[in-house]
């Protein structure tokens, strides 16, 4: 499972979600996390400036946006939520 997190430096919601996702990735050898700074590319900025943090799951060469989890969700709740989006062939 490859997760992509769009955010920006200084965003406490982005940083909080990133910390939880990093814990999940450490627990699962088949999972990875790529953090993308939306301020580094104009297209990312235009797409996500009002929506961050944005979490996507990469399936093949496509990215599928996952509904934003609650900032109050625990690591365990987030992990269970992500299982719903895990590709069946993963």
PDB file of N, CA and C in Angstrom:
ATOM      1  N   UNK A   1       0.857  -1.172   0.000  1.00  0.00           N
ATOM      2  CA  UNK A   1       0.000   0.000   0.000  1.00  0.00           C
ATOM      3  C   UNK A   1       0.901   1.233   0.000  1.00  0.00           C
ATOM      4  N   UNK A   2       0.717   2.072  -0.997  1.00  0.00           N
ATOM      5  CA  UNK A   2       1.503   3.297  -1.086  1.00  0.00           C
ATOM      6  C   UNK A   2       0.596   4.486  -0.843  1.00  0.00           C
ATOM      7  N   UNK A   3       0.892   5.220   0.233  1.00  0.00           N
ATOM      8  CA  UNK A   3       0.117   6.393   0.602  1.00  0.00           C
ATOM      9  C   UNK A   3       0.865   7.656   0.202  1.00  0.00           C
ATOM     10  N   UNK A   4       0.120   8.654  -0.225  1.00  0.00           N
ATOM     11  CA  UNK A   4       0.691   9.953  -0.583  1.00  0.00           C
ATOM     12  C   UNK A   4      -0.063  11.007   0.218  1.00  0.00           C
ATOM     13  N   UNK A   5       0.689  11.813   0.944  1.00  0.00           N
ATOM     14  CA  UNK A   5       0.104  12.866   1.763  1.00  0.00           C
ATOM     15  C   UNK A   5       0.513  14.219   1.193  1.00  0.00           C
ATOM     16  N   UNK A   6      -0.479  15.004   0.777  1.00  0.00           N
ATOM     17  CA  UNK A   6      -0.238  16.365   0.312  1.00  0.00           C
ATOM     18  C   UNK A   6      -0.464  17.305   1.485  1.00  0.00           C
ATOM     19  N   UNK A   7       0.516  18.148   1.742  1.00  0.00           N
ATOM     20  CA  UNK A   7       0.418  19.110   2.832  1.00  0.00           C
ATOM     21  C   UNK A   7       1.416  20.220   2.629  1.00  0.00           C
ATOM     22  N   UNK A   8       1.640  20.981   3.683  1.00  0.00           N
ATOM     23  CA  UNK A   8       2.661  22.032   3.604  1.00  0.00           C
ATOM     24  C   UNK A   8       3.284  22.209   4.979  1.00  0.00           C
ATOM     25  N   UNK A   9       4.513  22.707   5.001  1.00  0.00           N
ATOM     26  CA  UNK A   9       5.192  22.929   6.277  1.00  0.00           C
ATOM     27  C   UNK A   9       4.401  23.895   7.153  1.00  0.00           C
ATOM     28  N   UNK A  10       4.380  23.593   8.445  1.00  0.00           N
ATOM     29  CA  UNK A  10       3.704  24.467   9.392  1.00  0.00           C
ATOM     30  C   UNK A  10       2.222  24.185   9.557  1.00  0.00           C
ATOM     31  N   UNK A  11       1.682  23.264   8.803  1.00  0.00           N
ATOM     32  CA  UNK A  11       0.270  22.898   8.914  1.00  0.00           C
ATOM     33  C   UNK A  11       0.148  21.837  10.003  1.00  0.00           C
ATOM     34  N   UNK A  12      -0.458  22.204  11.135  1.00  0.00           N
ATOM     35  CA  UNK A  12      -0.531  21.256  12.245  1.00  0.00           C
ATOM     36  C   UNK A  12      -1.396  20.044  11.924  1.00  0.00           C
ATOM     37  N   UNK A  13      -2.421  20.203  11.099  1.00  0.00           N
ATOM     38  CA  UNK A  13      -3.231  19.052  10.696  1.00  0.00           C
ATOM     39  C   UNK A  13      -2.420  18.089   9.832  1.00  0.00           C
ATOM     40  N   UNK A  14      -1.621  18.651   8.922  1.00  0.00           N
ATOM     41  CA  UNK A  14      -0.776  17.825   8.053  1.00  0.00           C
ATOM     42  C   UNK A  14       0.265  17.070   8.871  1.00  0.00           C
ATOM     43  N   UNK A  15       0.903  17.782   9.776  1.00  0.00           N
ATOM     44  CA  UNK A  15       1.951  17.175  10.591  1.00  0.00           C
ATOM     45  C   UNK A  15       1.398  16.101  11.505  1.00  0.00           C
ATOM     46  N   UNK A  16       0.209  16.320  12.063  1.00  0.00           N
ATOM     47  CA  UNK A  16      -0.414  15.322  12.927  1.00  0.00           C
ATOM     48  C   UNK A  16      -0.760  14.055  12.163  1.00  0.00           C
ATOM     49  N   UNK A  17      -1.321  14.219  10.975  1.00  0.00           N
ATOM     50  CA  UNK A  17      -1.657  13.060  10.149  1.00  0.00           C
ATOM     51  C   UNK A  17      -0.394  12.342   9.704  1.00  0.00           C
ATOM     52  N   UNK A  18       0.629  13.087   9.342  1.00  0.00           N
ATOM     53  CA  UNK A  18       1.888  12.477   8.922  1.00  0.00           C
ATOM     54  C   UNK A  18       2.476  11.613  10.033  1.00  0.00           C
ATOM     55  N   UNK A  19       2.462  12.102  11.260  1.00  0.00           N
ATOM     56  CA  UNK A  19       2.999  11.327  12.386  1.00  0.00           C
ATOM     57  C   UNK A  19       2.252  10.007  12.552  1.00  0.00           C
ATOM     58  N   UNK A  20       0.943  10.048  12.440  1.00  0.00           N
ATOM     59  CA  UNK A  20       0.156   8.822  12.573  1.00  0.00           C
ATOM     60  C   UNK A  20       0.419   7.866  11.425  1.00  0.00           C
ATOM     61  N   UNK A  21       0.499   8.399  10.213  1.00  0.00           N
ATOM     62  CA  UNK A  21       0.757   7.547   9.055  1.00  0.00           C
ATOM     63  C   UNK A  21       2.138   6.907   9.133  1.00  0.00           C
ATOM     64  N   UNK A  22       3.124   7.648   9.621  1.00  0.00           N
ATOM     65  CA  UNK A  22       4.467   7.087   9.771  1.00  0.00           C
ATOM     66  C   UNK A  22       4.462   5.918  10.748  1.00  0.00           C
ATOM     67  N   UNK A  23       3.667   6.005  11.803  1.00  0.00           N
ATOM     68  CA  UNK A  23       3.564   4.895  12.746  1.00  0.00           C
ATOM     69  C   UNK A  23       2.935   3.672  12.083  1.00  0.00           C
ATOM     70  N   UNK A  24       1.925   3.896  11.269  1.00  0.00           N
ATOM     71  CA  UNK A  24       1.266   2.796  10.567  1.00  0.00           C
ATOM     72  C   UNK A  24       2.228   2.150   9.585  1.00  0.00           C
ATOM     73  N   UNK A  25       2.964   2.955   8.838  1.00  0.00           N
ATOM     74  CA  UNK A  25       3.911   2.429   7.854  1.00  0.00           C
ATOM     75  C   UNK A  25       4.988   1.591   8.541  1.00  0.00           C
ATOM     76  N   UNK A  26       5.428   2.006   9.711  1.00  0.00           N
ATOM     77  CA  UNK A  26       6.437   1.240  10.452  1.00  0.00           C
ATOM     78  C   UNK A  26       5.917  -0.131  10.852  1.00  0.00           C
ATOM     79  N   UNK A  27       4.622  -0.257  11.051  1.00  0.00           N
ATOM     80  CA  UNK A  27       4.030  -1.529  11.470  1.00  0.00           C
ATOM     81  C   UNK A  27       3.771  -2.474  10.299  1.00  0.00           C
ATOM     82  N   UNK A  28       3.765  -1.948   9.082  1.00  0.00           N
ATOM     83  CA  UNK A  28       3.417  -2.754   7.908  1.00  0.00           C
ATOM     84  C   UNK A  28       4.532  -2.677   6.874  1.00  0.00           C
ATOM     85  N   UNK A  29       5.181  -3.793   6.629  1.00  0.00           N
ATOM     86  CA  UNK A  29       6.300  -3.814   5.696  1.00  0.00           C
ATOM     87  C   UNK A  29       5.871  -3.512   4.268  1.00  0.00           C
ATOM     88  N   UNK A  30       4.620  -3.773   3.942  1.00  0.00           N
ATOM     89  CA  UNK A  30       4.149  -3.549   2.574  1.00  0.00           C
ATOM     90  C   UNK A  30       3.592  -2.145   2.358  1.00  0.00           C
ATOM     91  N   UNK A  31       3.751  -1.274   3.340  1.00  0.00           N
ATOM     92  CA  UNK A  31       3.207   0.082   3.237  1.00  0.00           C
ATOM     93  C   UNK A  31       4.333   1.101   3.098  1.00  0.00           C
ATOM     94  N   UNK A  32       4.045   2.176   2.384  1.00  0.00           N
ATOM     95  CA  UNK A  32       5.009   3.278   2.266  1.00  0.00           C
ATOM     96  C   UNK A  32       4.244   4.592   2.258  1.00  0.00           C
ATOM     97  N   UNK A  33       4.946   5.641   2.615  1.00  0.00           N
ATOM     98  CA  UNK A  33       4.358   6.971   2.684  1.00  0.00           C
ATOM     99  C   UNK A  33       5.258   7.956   1.966  1.00  0.00           C
ATOM    100  N   UNK A  34       4.666   8.708   1.074  1.00  0.00           N
ATOM    101  CA  UNK A  34       5.366   9.811   0.404  1.00  0.00           C
ATOM    102  C   UNK A  34       4.666  11.098   0.806  1.00  0.00           C
ATOM    103  N   UNK A  35       5.428  12.033   1.331  1.00  0.00           N
ATOM    104  CA  UNK A  35       4.873  13.322   1.736  1.00  0.00           C
ATOM    105  C   UNK A  35       5.233  14.344   0.660  1.00  0.00           C
ATOM    106  N   UNK A  36       4.225  15.023   0.153  1.00  0.00           N
ATOM    107  CA  UNK A  36       4.427  16.005  -0.913  1.00  0.00           C
ATOM    108  C   UNK A  36       4.065  17.397  -0.404  1.00  0.00           C
ATOM    109  N   UNK A  37       5.014  18.301  -0.524  1.00  0.00           N
ATOM    110  CA  UNK A  37       4.845  19.696  -0.112  1.00  0.00           C
ATOM    111  C   UNK A  37       4.156  20.448  -1.253  1.00  0.00           C
ATOM    112  N   UNK A  38       2.925  20.885  -1.015  1.00  0.00           N
ATOM    113  CA  UNK A  38       2.177  21.536  -2.092  1.00  0.00           C
ATOM    114  C   UNK A  38       2.770  22.874  -2.501  1.00  0.00           C
ATOM    115  N   UNK A  39       3.635  23.437  -1.660  1.00  0.00           N
ATOM    116  CA  UNK A  39       4.246  24.717  -2.033  1.00  0.00           C
ATOM    117  C   UNK A  39       5.384  24.530  -3.026  1.00  0.00           C
ATOM    118  N   UNK A  40       5.743  23.279  -3.321  1.00  0.00           N
ATOM    119  CA  UNK A  40       6.870  23.029  -4.228  1.00  0.00           C
ATOM    120  C   UNK A  40       6.456  22.925  -5.687  1.00  0.00           C
ATOM    121  N   UNK A  41       5.161  22.812  -5.939  1.00  0.00           N
ATOM    122  CA  UNK A  41       4.682  22.716  -7.323  1.00  0.00           C
ATOM    123  C   UNK A  41       3.388  23.496  -7.471  1.00  0.00           C
ATOM    124  N   UNK A  42       3.282  24.270  -8.506  1.00  0.00           N
ATOM    125  CA  UNK A  42       2.103  25.109  -8.734  1.00  0.00           C
ATOM    126  C   UNK A  42       0.830  24.276  -8.902  1.00  0.00           C
ATOM    127  N   UNK A  43       0.903  23.143  -9.613  1.00  0.00           N
ATOM    128  CA  UNK A  43      -0.298  22.333  -9.819  1.00  0.00           C
ATOM    129  C   UNK A  43      -0.806  21.750  -8.499  1.00  0.00           C
ATOM    130  N   UNK A  44       0.103  21.321  -7.631  1.00  0.00           N
ATOM    131  CA  UNK A  44      -0.323  20.817  -6.329  1.00  0.00           C
ATOM    132  C   UNK A  44      -0.951  21.946  -5.518  1.00  0.00           C
ATOM    133  N   UNK A  45      -0.336  23.119  -5.574  1.00  0.00           N
ATOM    134  CA  UNK A  45      -0.864  24.273  -4.829  1.00  0.00           C
ATOM    135  C   UNK A  45      -2.279  24.607  -5.296  1.00  0.00           C
ATOM    136  N   UNK A  46      -2.469  24.677  -6.608  1.00  0.00           N
ATOM    137  CA  UNK A  46      -3.781  25.012  -7.155  1.00  0.00           C
ATOM    138  C   UNK A  46      -4.836  23.964  -6.776  1.00  0.00           C
ATOM    139  N   UNK A  47      -4.440  22.702  -6.781  1.00  0.00           N
ATOM    140  CA  UNK A  47      -5.397  21.631  -6.492  1.00  0.00           C
ATOM    141  C   UNK A  47      -5.741  21.488  -5.013  1.00  0.00           C
ATOM    142  N   UNK A  48      -4.780  21.738  -4.128  1.00  0.00           N
ATOM    143  CA  UNK A  48      -4.956  21.336  -2.735  1.00  0.00           C
ATOM    144  C   UNK A  48      -4.833  22.451  -1.696  1.00  0.00           C
ATOM    145  N   UNK A  49      -4.607  23.696  -2.107  1.00  0.00           N
ATOM    146  CA  UNK A  49      -4.322  24.749  -1.125  1.00  0.00           C
ATOM    147  C   UNK A  49      -5.415  24.939  -0.082  1.00  0.00           C
ATOM    148  N   UNK A  50      -6.655  24.654  -0.432  1.00  0.00           N
ATOM    149  CA  UNK A  50      -7.753  24.848   0.520  1.00  0.00           C
ATOM    150  C   UNK A  50      -8.241  23.540   1.144  1.00  0.00           C
ATOM    151  N   UNK A  51      -7.581  22.428   0.829  1.00  0.00           N
ATOM    152  CA  UNK A  51      -8.071  21.131   1.269  1.00  0.00           C
ATOM    153  C   UNK A  51      -7.103  20.348   2.149  1.00  0.00           C
ATOM    154  N   UNK A  52      -5.882  20.819   2.323  1.00  0.00           N
ATOM    155  CA  UNK A  52      -4.890  20.013   3.027  1.00  0.00           C
ATOM    156  C   UNK A  52      -5.288  19.748   4.467  1.00  0.00           C
ATOM    157  N   UNK A  53      -4.893  18.623   5.000  1.00  0.00           N
ATOM    158  CA  UNK A  53      -4.120  17.565   4.365  1.00  0.00           C
ATOM    159  C   UNK A  53      -4.996  16.715   3.436  1.00  0.00           C
ATOM    160  N   UNK A  54      -4.394  16.283   2.337  1.00  0.00           N
ATOM    161  CA  UNK A  54      -5.061  15.419   1.376  1.00  0.00           C
ATOM    162  C   UNK A  54      -4.296  14.107   1.351  1.00  0.00           C
ATOM    163  N   UNK A  55      -5.022  13.018   1.533  1.00  0.00           N
ATOM    164  CA  UNK A  55      -4.414  11.698   1.555  1.00  0.00           C
ATOM    165  C   UNK A  55      -4.888  10.920   0.340  1.00  0.00           C
ATOM    166  N   UNK A  56      -3.926  10.331  -0.366  1.00  0.00           N
ATOM    167  CA  UNK A  56      -4.225   9.535  -1.554  1.00  0.00           C
ATOM    168  C   UNK A  56      -3.595   8.161  -1.416  1.00  0.00           C
ATOM    169  N   UNK A  57      -4.196   7.217  -2.094  1.00  0.00           N
ATOM    170  CA  UNK A  57      -3.665   5.875  -2.193  1.00  0.00           C
ATOM    171  C   UNK A  57      -3.263   5.664  -3.638  1.00  0.00           C
ATOM    172  N   UNK A  58      -2.032   5.245  -3.857  1.00  0.00           N
ATOM    173  CA  UNK A  58      -1.594   4.998  -5.225  1.00  0.00           C
ATOM    174  C   UNK A  58      -1.942   3.565  -5.591  1.00  0.00           C
ATOM    175  N   UNK A  59      -2.700   3.437  -6.670  1.00  0.00           N
ATOM    176  CA  UNK A  59      -3.088   2.137  -7.196  1.00  0.00           C
ATOM    177  C   UNK A  59      -2.599   2.090  -8.628  1.00  0.00           C
ATOM    178  N   UNK A  60      -1.568   1.275  -8.863  1.00  0.00           N
ATOM    179  CA  UNK A  60      -0.941   1.269 -10.179  1.00  0.00           C
ATOM    180  C   UNK A  60      -0.306   2.624 -10.419  1.00  0.00           C
ATOM    181  N   UNK A  61      -0.657   3.247 -11.533  1.00  0.00           N
ATOM    182  CA  UNK A  61      -0.104   4.576 -11.818  1.00  0.00           C
ATOM    183  C   UNK A  61      -1.128   5.680 -11.549  1.00  0.00           C
ATOM    184  N   UNK A  62      -2.215   5.342 -10.845  1.00  0.00           N
ATOM    185  CA  UNK A  62      -3.254   6.322 -10.526  1.00  0.00           C
ATOM    186  C   UNK A  62      -3.276   6.603  -9.030  1.00  0.00           C
ATOM    187  N   UNK A  63      -3.652   7.815  -8.693  1.00  0.00           N
ATOM    188  CA  UNK A  63      -3.844   8.197  -7.293  1.00  0.00           C
ATOM    189  C   UNK A  63      -5.334   8.328  -7.028  1.00  0.00           C
ATOM    190  N   UNK A  64      -5.778   7.691  -5.946  1.00  0.00           N
ATOM    191  CA  UNK A  64      -7.173   7.796  -5.546  1.00  0.00           C
ATOM    192  C   UNK A  64      -7.228   8.521  -4.206  1.00  0.00           C
ATOM    193  N   UNK A  65      -7.947   9.629  -4.172  1.00  0.00           N
ATOM    194  CA  UNK A  65      -8.058  10.398  -2.937  1.00  0.00           C
ATOM    195  C   UNK A  65      -8.928   9.646  -1.938  1.00  0.00           C
ATOM    196  N   UNK A  66      -8.456   9.610  -0.701  1.00  0.00           N
ATOM    197  CA  UNK A  66      -9.168   8.972   0.399  1.00  0.00           C
ATOM    198  C   UNK A  66      -9.830  10.080   1.217  1.00  0.00           C
ATOM    199  N   UNK A  67     -11.045   9.851   1.688  1.00  0.00           N
ATOM    200  CA  UNK A  67     -11.675  10.877   2.542  1.00  0.00           C
ATOM    201  C   UNK A  67     -10.773  11.226   3.721  1.00  0.00           C
ATOM    202  N   UNK A  68     -10.706  12.496   4.034  1.00  0.00           N
ATOM    203  CA  UNK A  68      -9.831  12.974   5.106  1.00  0.00           C
ATOM    204  C   UNK A  68     -10.260  12.393   6.449  1.00  0.00           C
ATOM    205  N   UNK A  69      -9.328  11.771   7.152  1.00  0.00           N
ATOM    206  CA  UNK A  69      -9.669  11.248   8.477  1.00  0.00           C
ATOM    207  C   UNK A  69      -9.782  12.379   9.488  1.00  0.00           C
ATOM    208  N   UNK A  70     -10.488  12.093  10.546  1.00  0.00           N
ATOM    209  CA  UNK A  70     -10.627  13.075  11.623  1.00  0.00           C
ATOM    210  C   UNK A  70      -9.268  13.301  12.274  1.00  0.00           C
ATOM    211  N   UNK A  71      -8.934  14.551  12.589  1.00  0.00           N
ATOM    212  CA  UNK A  71      -7.680  14.817  13.284  1.00  0.00           C
ATOM    213  C   UNK A  71      -7.642  14.170  14.666  1.00  0.00           C
ATOM    214  N   UNK A  72      -8.802  13.827  15.189  1.00  0.00           N
ATOM    215  CA  UNK A  72      -8.871  13.195  16.507  1.00  0.00           C
ATOM    216  C   UNK A  72      -8.761  11.677  16.443  1.00  0.00           C
ATOM    217  N   UNK A  73      -8.735  11.119  15.243  1.00  0.00           N
ATOM    218  CA  UNK A  73      -8.637   9.666  15.104  1.00  0.00           C
ATOM    219  C   UNK A  73      -7.310   9.179  15.680  1.00  0.00           C
ATOM    220  N   UNK A  74      -7.372   8.060  16.376  1.00  0.00           N
ATOM    221  CA  UNK A  74      -6.149   7.458  16.901  1.00  0.00           C
ATOM    222  C   UNK A  74      -5.430   6.736  15.774  1.00  0.00           C
ATOM    223  N   UNK A  75      -4.211   6.320  16.039  1.00  0.00           N
ATOM    224  CA  UNK A  75      -3.455   5.550  15.042  1.00  0.00           C
ATOM    225  C   UNK A  75      -4.227   4.278  14.693  1.00  0.00           C
ATOM    226  N   UNK A  76      -4.782   3.614  15.695  1.00  0.00           N
ATOM    227  CA  UNK A  76      -5.516   2.376  15.456  1.00  0.00           C
ATOM    228  C   UNK A  76      -6.780   2.626  14.628  1.00  0.00           C
ATOM    229  N   UNK A  77      -7.491   3.701  14.898  1.00  0.00           N
ATOM    230  CA  UNK A  77      -8.679   4.034  14.114  1.00  0.00           C
ATOM    231  C   UNK A  77      -8.307   4.359  12.672  1.00  0.00           C
ATOM    232  N   UNK A  78      -7.231   5.089  12.497  1.00  0.00           N
ATOM    233  CA  UNK A  78      -6.775   5.430  11.156  1.00  0.00           C
ATOM    234  C   UNK A  78      -6.357   4.173  10.396  1.00  0.00           C
ATOM    235  N   UNK A  79      -5.656   3.296  11.078  1.00  0.00           N
ATOM    236  CA  UNK A  79      -5.218   2.045  10.445  1.00  0.00           C
ATOM    237  C   UNK A  79      -6.428   1.227   9.985  1.00  0.00           C
ATOM    238  N   UNK A  80      -7.430   1.099  10.825  1.00  0.00           N
ATOM    239  CA  UNK A  80      -8.643   0.363  10.447  1.00  0.00           C
ATOM    240  C   UNK A  80      -9.339   1.031   9.260  1.00  0.00           C
ATOM    241  N   UNK A  81      -9.382   2.342   9.276  1.00  0.00           N
ATOM    242  CA  UNK A  81     -10.010   3.086   8.181  1.00  0.00           C
ATOM    243  C   UNK A  81      -9.281   2.850   6.858  1.00  0.00           C
ATOM    244  N   UNK A  82      -7.963   2.836   6.916  1.00  0.00           N
ATOM    245  CA  UNK A  82      -7.176   2.640   5.695  1.00  0.00           C
ATOM    246  C   UNK A  82      -7.370   1.248   5.111  1.00  0.00           C
ATOM    247  N   UNK A  83      -7.668   0.275   5.948  1.00  0.00           N
ATOM    248  CA  UNK A  83      -7.865  -1.098   5.459  1.00  0.00           C
ATOM    249  C   UNK A  83      -9.016  -1.166   4.446  1.00  0.00           C
ATOM    250  N   UNK A  84      -9.993  -0.285   4.568  1.00  0.00           N
ATOM    251  CA  UNK A  84     -11.115  -0.259   3.638  1.00  0.00           C
ATOM    252  C   UNK A  84     -10.673   0.078   2.216  1.00  0.00           C
ATOM    253  N   UNK A  85      -9.576   0.821   2.116  1.00  0.00           N
ATOM    254  CA  UNK A  85      -9.137   1.310   0.813  1.00  0.00           C
ATOM    255  C   UNK A  85      -7.990   0.499   0.226  1.00  0.00           C
ATOM    256  N   UNK A  86      -7.499  -0.466   0.982  1.00  0.00           N
ATOM    257  CA  UNK A  86      -6.387  -1.298   0.523  1.00  0.00           C
ATOM    258  C   UNK A  86      -6.837  -2.110  -0.686  1.00  0.00           C
ATOM    259  N   UNK A  87      -6.057  -2.050  -1.772  1.00  0.00           N
ATOM    260  CA  UNK A  87      -6.413  -2.862  -2.943  1.00  0.00           C
ATOM    261  C   UNK A  87      -6.421  -4.350  -2.576  1.00  0.00           C
ATOM    262  N   UNK A  88      -7.335  -5.097  -3.155  1.00  0.00           N
ATOM    263  CA  UNK A  88      -7.458  -6.508  -2.828  1.00  0.00           C
ATOM    264  C   UNK A  88      -6.266  -7.328  -3.293  1.00  0.00           C
ATOM    265  N   UNK A  89      -5.547  -6.854  -4.300  1.00  0.00           N
ATOM    266  CA  UNK A  89      -4.386  -7.600  -4.796  1.00  0.00           C
ATOM    267  C   UNK A  89      -3.107  -7.161  -4.115  1.00  0.00           C
ATOM    268  N   UNK A  90      -3.209  -6.370  -3.060  1.00  0.00           N
ATOM    269  CA  UNK A  90      -2.050  -5.824  -2.348  1.00  0.00           C
ATOM    270  C   UNK A  90      -1.407  -6.880  -1.482  1.00  0.00           C
TER     271      UNK A  90
END
